[in-house]
Amino acid sequence: MLPAFIYVFLLTQIPFVLTIYYSFFSWNLLKEGSFQFAGLDNYTRLVTNESIRTAILNTVILTLSVIAISVILGMAVAMLLNSEVFGKGIMRTLMIAPFLIMPTAGALIWKDTLLNPLFGLLPYLLSPFGLGRVDWVNRFPMATVVAVEVWRWTPFMMLIILAGLQSQNPEVLEAARVDGANPLQAFRRITLPLVRPFIELGALLGSLFVVQTYDSIFMLTYGGPGEDTTNIPFLLYLVAFQGYSIGQASAIGVVAVIITILVATFALRTLFSIFQVEARR
């Protein structure tokens, strides 16, 4: 294990330590001699900078919207695939496909093939309703990014919830039907409590990745219009690779890592609790 540990340590921890080190310095690559100790100035700017607050708000809105919608749709699809429906094997394969497509390729397909106001498929289908020339990406930027991310993450939620549904004892549902419970009551009283840990796990793991969304924003809106879709990862890209402000970008990176660690901690605790429940069974 020692060689693997050293390899992982060199690739992850040393760059992170350097990021923390640079976050205490004022350093712009375009300004010669700008590498000077700044203390906590970079972190102070995070509190007073309007762009930072906008990016944090957009990150929260994007993450909550994508996770909530993906869980609901994933639950619905998982219930469908768990029932005796014709062709569910093919349906399961097709549902997994969006999660396997590269995020940049998927976002490009949505932007140029589906949503393009001139030759996109969606405007063509909506043209009888007078919506054929609507530029969805520019008029509804955040909703567009949310839709693309929901399309990507619904299969992930579906797989986790489906695993929970398939672990359910069918005899319990049969007993509930014999006792006179209708499908809605059986879902609320039996199925939902059973799959709740799986839903929580999917939501927390999904949040861990959705917080880091960059590809879709870069390909669809480039953070715009204005800063309407600029989240923390994309703001980090703008500060580091457009403004060349390494110190400020490092401070944003440290904050982003802290937020990710907090989400990961909740995800791991949920995963551990699921393992404990399964072990007791």
Protein backbone atom coordinates (compact mmCIF):
# COMPACT_ATOMS: atom_id res chain seq x y z
CA MET A 1 0.00 0.00 0.00
CA LEU A 2 2.91 2.37 0.63
CA PRO A 3 3.79 3.05 -3.07
CA ALA A 4 0.12 3.73 -3.87
CA PHE A 5 -0.20 6.01 -0.84
CA ILE A 6 2.91 7.98 -1.84
CA TYR A 7 1.65 8.30 -5.40
CA VAL A 8 -1.77 9.60 -4.32
CA PHE A 9 -0.17 11.93 -1.76
CA LEU A 10 2.16 13.49 -4.33
CA LEU A 11 -0.64 14.04 -6.86
CA THR A 12 -3.24 15.43 -4.46
CA GLN A 13 -1.86 16.82 -1.24
CA ILE A 14 1.23 18.64 -2.47
CA PRO A 15 -0.74 20.67 -5.09
CA PHE A 16 -3.35 21.46 -2.44
CA VAL A 17 -0.68 22.66 0.00
CA LEU A 18 0.76 24.86 -2.75
CA THR A 19 -2.73 26.23 -3.43
CA ILE A 20 -3.09 27.18 0.23
CA TYR A 21 0.39 28.75 0.12
CA TYR A 22 -0.40 30.85 -2.96
CA SER A 23 -3.72 31.97 -1.46
CA PHE A 24 -1.80 34.11 1.04
CA PHE A 25 0.04 35.99 -1.72
CA SER A 26 -0.95 38.67 -4.20
CA TRP A 27 0.30 37.32 -7.52
CA ASN A 28 -0.78 38.27 -11.01
CA LEU A 29 1.08 36.59 -13.87
CA LEU A 30 0.72 39.68 -16.07
CA LYS A 31 2.40 41.97 -13.54
CA GLU A 32 6.11 41.56 -12.99
CA GLY A 33 7.15 41.63 -9.35
CA SER A 34 3.57 41.24 -8.09
CA PHE A 35 4.37 38.17 -5.98
CA GLN A 36 3.99 39.68 -2.50
CA PHE A 37 2.68 38.41 0.79
CA ALA A 38 -0.94 39.54 1.24
CA GLY A 39 -2.01 37.70 4.37
CA LEU A 40 -5.76 37.20 4.46
CA ASP A 41 -6.52 39.85 1.85
CA ASN A 42 -7.55 37.30 -0.77
CA TYR A 43 -9.98 35.71 1.66
CA THR A 44 -11.31 39.11 2.74
CA ARG A 45 -12.14 39.89 -0.87
CA LEU A 46 -14.22 36.75 -1.03
CA VAL A 47 -16.56 38.29 1.53
CA THR A 48 -16.77 41.72 -0.07
CA ASN A 49 -16.70 40.71 -3.76
CA GLU A 50 -20.14 40.78 -5.37
CA SER A 51 -19.07 38.25 -8.01
CA ILE A 52 -18.18 35.73 -5.30
CA ARG A 53 -21.59 36.06 -3.65
CA THR A 54 -23.31 35.70 -7.02
CA ALA A 55 -21.25 32.59 -7.83
CA ILE A 56 -22.07 31.01 -4.46
CA LEU A 57 -25.79 31.75 -4.93
CA ASN A 58 -25.75 30.31 -8.46
CA THR A 59 -23.93 27.22 -7.19
CA VAL A 60 -26.56 26.66 -4.50
CA ILE A 61 -29.47 27.21 -6.93
CA LEU A 62 -27.95 24.93 -9.56
CA THR A 63 -27.12 22.16 -7.09
CA LEU A 64 -30.47 22.15 -5.28
CA SER A 65 -32.48 22.34 -8.52
CA VAL A 66 -30.57 19.57 -10.28
CA ILE A 67 -30.57 17.23 -7.30
CA ALA A 68 -34.26 17.73 -6.46
CA ILE A 69 -35.49 17.21 -10.02
CA SER A 70 -33.08 14.32 -10.68
CA VAL A 71 -34.20 12.48 -7.54
CA ILE A 72 -37.88 12.84 -8.44
CA LEU A 73 -37.38 11.72 -12.04
CA GLY A 74 -34.94 8.99 -11.00
CA MET A 75 -37.47 7.67 -8.51
CA ALA A 76 -40.21 7.61 -11.14
CA VAL A 77 -38.05 5.81 -13.70
CA ALA A 78 -36.76 3.37 -11.09
CA MET A 79 -40.33 2.49 -10.09
CA LEU A 80 -41.16 1.90 -13.75
CA LEU A 81 -38.13 -0.30 -14.37
CA ASN A 82 -38.78 -2.25 -11.17
CA SER A 83 -42.22 -3.25 -12.39
CA GLU A 84 -43.11 -5.83 -15.01
CA VAL A 85 -42.96 -3.61 -18.07
CA PHE A 86 -42.17 -4.76 -21.59
CA GLY A 87 -38.63 -3.99 -22.75
CA LYS A 88 -37.34 -2.79 -19.39
CA GLY A 89 -33.87 -4.20 -20.18
CA ILE A 90 -33.56 -1.96 -23.24
CA MET A 91 -35.10 0.94 -21.34
CA ARG A 92 -32.54 0.54 -18.56
CA THR A 93 -29.70 0.62 -21.07
CA LEU A 94 -31.08 3.71 -22.80
CA MET A 95 -31.58 5.48 -19.48
CA ILE A 96 -27.96 4.92 -18.48
CA ALA A 97 -26.64 6.35 -21.77
CA PRO A 98 -26.74 10.08 -20.81
CA PHE A 99 -24.56 9.42 -17.76
CA LEU A 100 -21.91 7.78 -19.98
CA ILE A 101 -21.66 10.64 -22.49
CA MET A 102 -18.86 13.17 -21.97
CA PRO A 103 -20.30 16.32 -20.34
CA THR A 104 -18.82 18.63 -22.98
CA ALA A 105 -20.19 16.51 -25.82
CA GLY A 106 -23.60 16.30 -24.18
CA ALA A 107 -23.78 20.05 -23.62
CA LEU A 108 -22.71 20.69 -27.22
CA ILE A 109 -25.44 18.37 -28.49
CA TRP A 110 -28.03 20.21 -26.43
CA LYS A 111 -26.83 23.63 -27.57
CA ASP A 112 -26.40 23.02 -31.31
CA THR A 113 -28.69 20.08 -32.08
CA LEU A 114 -31.63 20.41 -29.70
CA LEU A 115 -31.93 24.07 -28.65
CA ASN A 116 -30.51 26.04 -31.58
CA PRO A 117 -33.25 28.56 -32.59
CA LEU A 118 -32.49 28.15 -36.31
CA PHE A 119 -32.17 24.41 -36.85
CA GLY A 120 -32.65 22.80 -33.43
CA LEU A 121 -35.03 19.91 -32.87
CA LEU A 122 -36.93 21.50 -29.97
CA PRO A 123 -37.75 24.77 -31.81
CA TYR A 124 -38.90 22.68 -34.78
CA LEU A 125 -41.26 20.67 -32.58
CA LEU A 126 -42.54 23.82 -30.85
CA SER A 127 -43.00 25.84 -34.05
CA PRO A 128 -46.75 24.98 -34.31
CA PHE A 129 -47.17 26.66 -30.91
CA GLY A 130 -45.33 29.84 -31.93
CA LEU A 131 -42.13 28.98 -30.04
CA GLY A 132 -40.00 28.01 -33.01
CA ARG A 133 -37.62 30.99 -32.75
CA VAL A 134 -37.08 31.05 -28.99
CA ASP A 135 -33.40 31.19 -28.04
CA TRP A 136 -33.66 29.03 -24.93
CA VAL A 137 -29.98 29.25 -23.98
CA ASN A 138 -29.88 33.06 -23.89
CA ARG A 139 -33.39 33.72 -22.60
CA PHE A 140 -33.40 31.03 -19.92
CA PRO A 141 -29.70 30.35 -19.20
CA MET A 142 -29.96 28.86 -15.71
CA ALA A 143 -32.98 26.75 -16.63
CA THR A 144 -31.06 25.44 -19.65
CA VAL A 145 -28.04 24.45 -17.55
CA VAL A 146 -30.33 22.81 -14.99
CA ALA A 147 -32.13 20.86 -17.75
CA VAL A 148 -28.86 19.56 -19.20
CA GLU A 149 -27.54 18.55 -15.78
CA VAL A 150 -30.84 16.87 -14.87
CA TRP A 151 -30.64 14.91 -18.13
CA ARG A 152 -27.14 13.84 -17.13
CA TRP A 153 -27.72 12.98 -13.45
CA THR A 154 -31.18 11.36 -13.55
CA PRO A 155 -29.66 8.00 -14.64
CA PHE A 156 -27.30 8.14 -11.67
CA MET A 157 -30.19 8.63 -9.26
CA MET A 158 -32.21 5.98 -11.05
CA LEU A 159 -29.48 3.35 -10.65
CA ILE A 160 -29.07 3.95 -6.91
CA ILE A 161 -32.81 4.02 -6.20
CA LEU A 162 -33.40 0.99 -8.40
CA ALA A 163 -30.85 -0.93 -6.35
CA GLY A 164 -32.86 -0.10 -3.23
CA LEU A 165 -36.15 -1.10 -4.84
CA GLN A 166 -34.77 -4.45 -5.96
CA SER A 167 -33.67 -5.21 -2.40
CA GLN A 168 -37.28 -4.89 -1.24
CA ASN A 169 -39.00 -8.07 -0.10
CA PRO A 170 -41.97 -8.62 -2.47
CA GLU A 171 -43.78 -10.61 0.21
CA VAL A 172 -44.17 -7.45 2.29
CA LEU A 173 -45.90 -5.66 -0.60
CA GLU A 174 -48.08 -8.69 -1.22
CA ALA A 175 -49.11 -8.74 2.44
CA ALA A 176 -49.95 -5.02 2.25
CA ARG A 177 -52.16 -5.62 -0.80
CA VAL A 178 -53.93 -8.49 0.99
CA ASP A 179 -54.59 -6.16 3.94
CA GLY A 180 -56.28 -3.69 1.60
CA ALA A 181 -53.51 -1.11 1.05
CA ASN A 182 -53.74 0.71 -2.28
CA PRO A 183 -50.58 1.39 -4.37
CA LEU A 184 -50.19 4.93 -2.99
CA GLN A 185 -50.40 3.75 0.61
CA ALA A 186 -47.95 0.91 -0.04
CA PHE A 187 -45.52 3.39 -1.60
CA ARG A 188 -45.76 5.91 1.26
CA ARG A 189 -45.68 3.40 4.14
CA ILE A 190 -43.41 0.65 2.81
CA THR A 191 -41.44 1.51 -0.33
CA LEU A 192 -40.46 5.09 0.47
CA PRO A 193 -39.05 4.38 3.96
CA LEU A 194 -37.08 1.47 2.49
CA VAL A 195 -35.45 3.47 -0.31
CA ARG A 196 -35.01 6.65 1.73
CA PRO A 197 -31.35 5.88 2.61
CA PHE A 198 -30.65 5.25 -1.08
CA ILE A 199 -32.32 8.52 -2.03
CA GLU A 200 -30.23 10.38 0.55
CA LEU A 201 -27.07 8.69 -0.67
CA GLY A 202 -27.82 9.55 -4.31
CA ALA A 203 -28.66 13.15 -3.42
CA LEU A 204 -25.50 13.65 -1.37
CA LEU A 205 -23.17 11.96 -3.85
CA GLY A 206 -24.84 13.84 -6.69
CA SER A 207 -24.40 17.12 -4.82
CA LEU A 208 -20.72 16.36 -4.45
CA PHE A 209 -20.35 16.30 -8.23
CA VAL A 210 -22.95 18.90 -9.25
CA VAL A 211 -21.21 21.48 -7.03
CA GLN A 212 -18.21 21.09 -9.36
CA THR A 213 -20.19 21.65 -12.58
CA TYR A 214 -18.02 23.39 -15.15
CA ASP A 215 -18.30 21.68 -18.54
CA SER A 216 -21.96 22.45 -19.21
CA ILE A 217 -21.63 26.10 -18.21
CA PHE A 218 -18.54 26.55 -20.36
CA MET A 219 -20.18 25.02 -23.44
CA LEU A 220 -23.68 26.45 -23.03
CA THR A 221 -23.53 29.94 -21.53
CA TYR A 222 -19.90 30.73 -20.63
CA GLY A 223 -21.19 31.99 -17.28
CA GLY A 224 -23.58 34.48 -18.83
CA PRO A 225 -25.52 36.42 -19.68
CA GLY A 226 -23.53 38.61 -17.33
CA GLU A 227 -22.99 36.41 -14.29
CA ASP A 228 -26.37 34.66 -14.35
CA THR A 229 -24.85 31.17 -14.61
CA THR A 230 -21.39 31.76 -13.15
CA ASN A 231 -20.81 29.25 -10.35
CA ILE A 232 -17.75 28.76 -8.13
CA PRO A 233 -15.78 26.43 -10.47
CA PHE A 234 -16.38 28.67 -13.49
CA LEU A 235 -15.49 31.80 -11.51
CA LEU A 236 -12.29 30.06 -10.49
CA TYR A 237 -11.54 29.47 -14.18
CA LEU A 238 -12.21 33.13 -15.04
CA VAL A 239 -10.02 34.48 -12.24
CA ALA A 240 -7.15 32.06 -12.89
CA PHE A 241 -7.07 31.74 -16.69
CA GLN A 242 -8.68 35.00 -17.81
CA GLY A 243 -7.52 37.38 -15.10
CA TYR A 244 -4.27 35.48 -14.28
CA SER A 245 -4.76 36.34 -10.61
CA ILE A 246 -3.21 33.25 -9.05
CA GLY A 247 -3.53 34.40 -5.43
CA GLN A 248 -7.22 35.21 -5.68
CA ALA A 249 -7.94 32.03 -7.64
CA SER A 250 -6.11 29.96 -5.04
CA ALA A 251 -8.29 31.42 -2.28
CA ILE A 252 -11.42 30.56 -4.27
CA GLY A 253 -10.06 27.06 -4.81
CA VAL A 254 -9.48 26.56 -1.08
CA VAL A 255 -13.06 27.63 -0.31
CA ALA A 256 -14.38 25.32 -3.04
CA VAL A 257 -12.43 22.40 -1.59
CA ILE A 258 -13.80 23.11 1.90
CA ILE A 259 -17.36 23.12 0.57
CA THR A 260 -16.70 19.86 -1.30
CA ILE A 261 -15.22 18.25 1.82
CA LEU A 262 -18.30 19.19 3.84
CA VAL A 263 -20.60 17.63 1.23
CA ALA A 264 -18.36 14.54 1.01
CA THR A 265 -18.44 14.14 4.79
CA PHE A 266 -22.24 14.03 4.82
CA ALA A 267 -22.17 11.58 1.89
CA LEU A 268 -19.75 9.24 3.64
CA ARG A 269 -21.76 9.33 6.86
CA THR A 270 -24.89 8.43 4.92
CA LEU A 271 -23.07 5.61 3.15
CA PHE A 272 -21.80 4.29 6.49
CA SER A 273 -25.30 4.36 7.97
CA ILE A 274 -26.63 2.40 4.98
CA PHE A 275 -23.95 -0.24 5.50
CA GLN A 276 -24.93 -0.47 9.17
CA VAL A 277 -28.62 -0.93 8.29
CA GLU A 278 -27.79 -3.61 5.72
CA ALA A 279 -25.51 -5.39 8.21
CA ARG A 280 -28.31 -5.51 10.81
CA ARG A 281 -30.62 -7.09 8.27
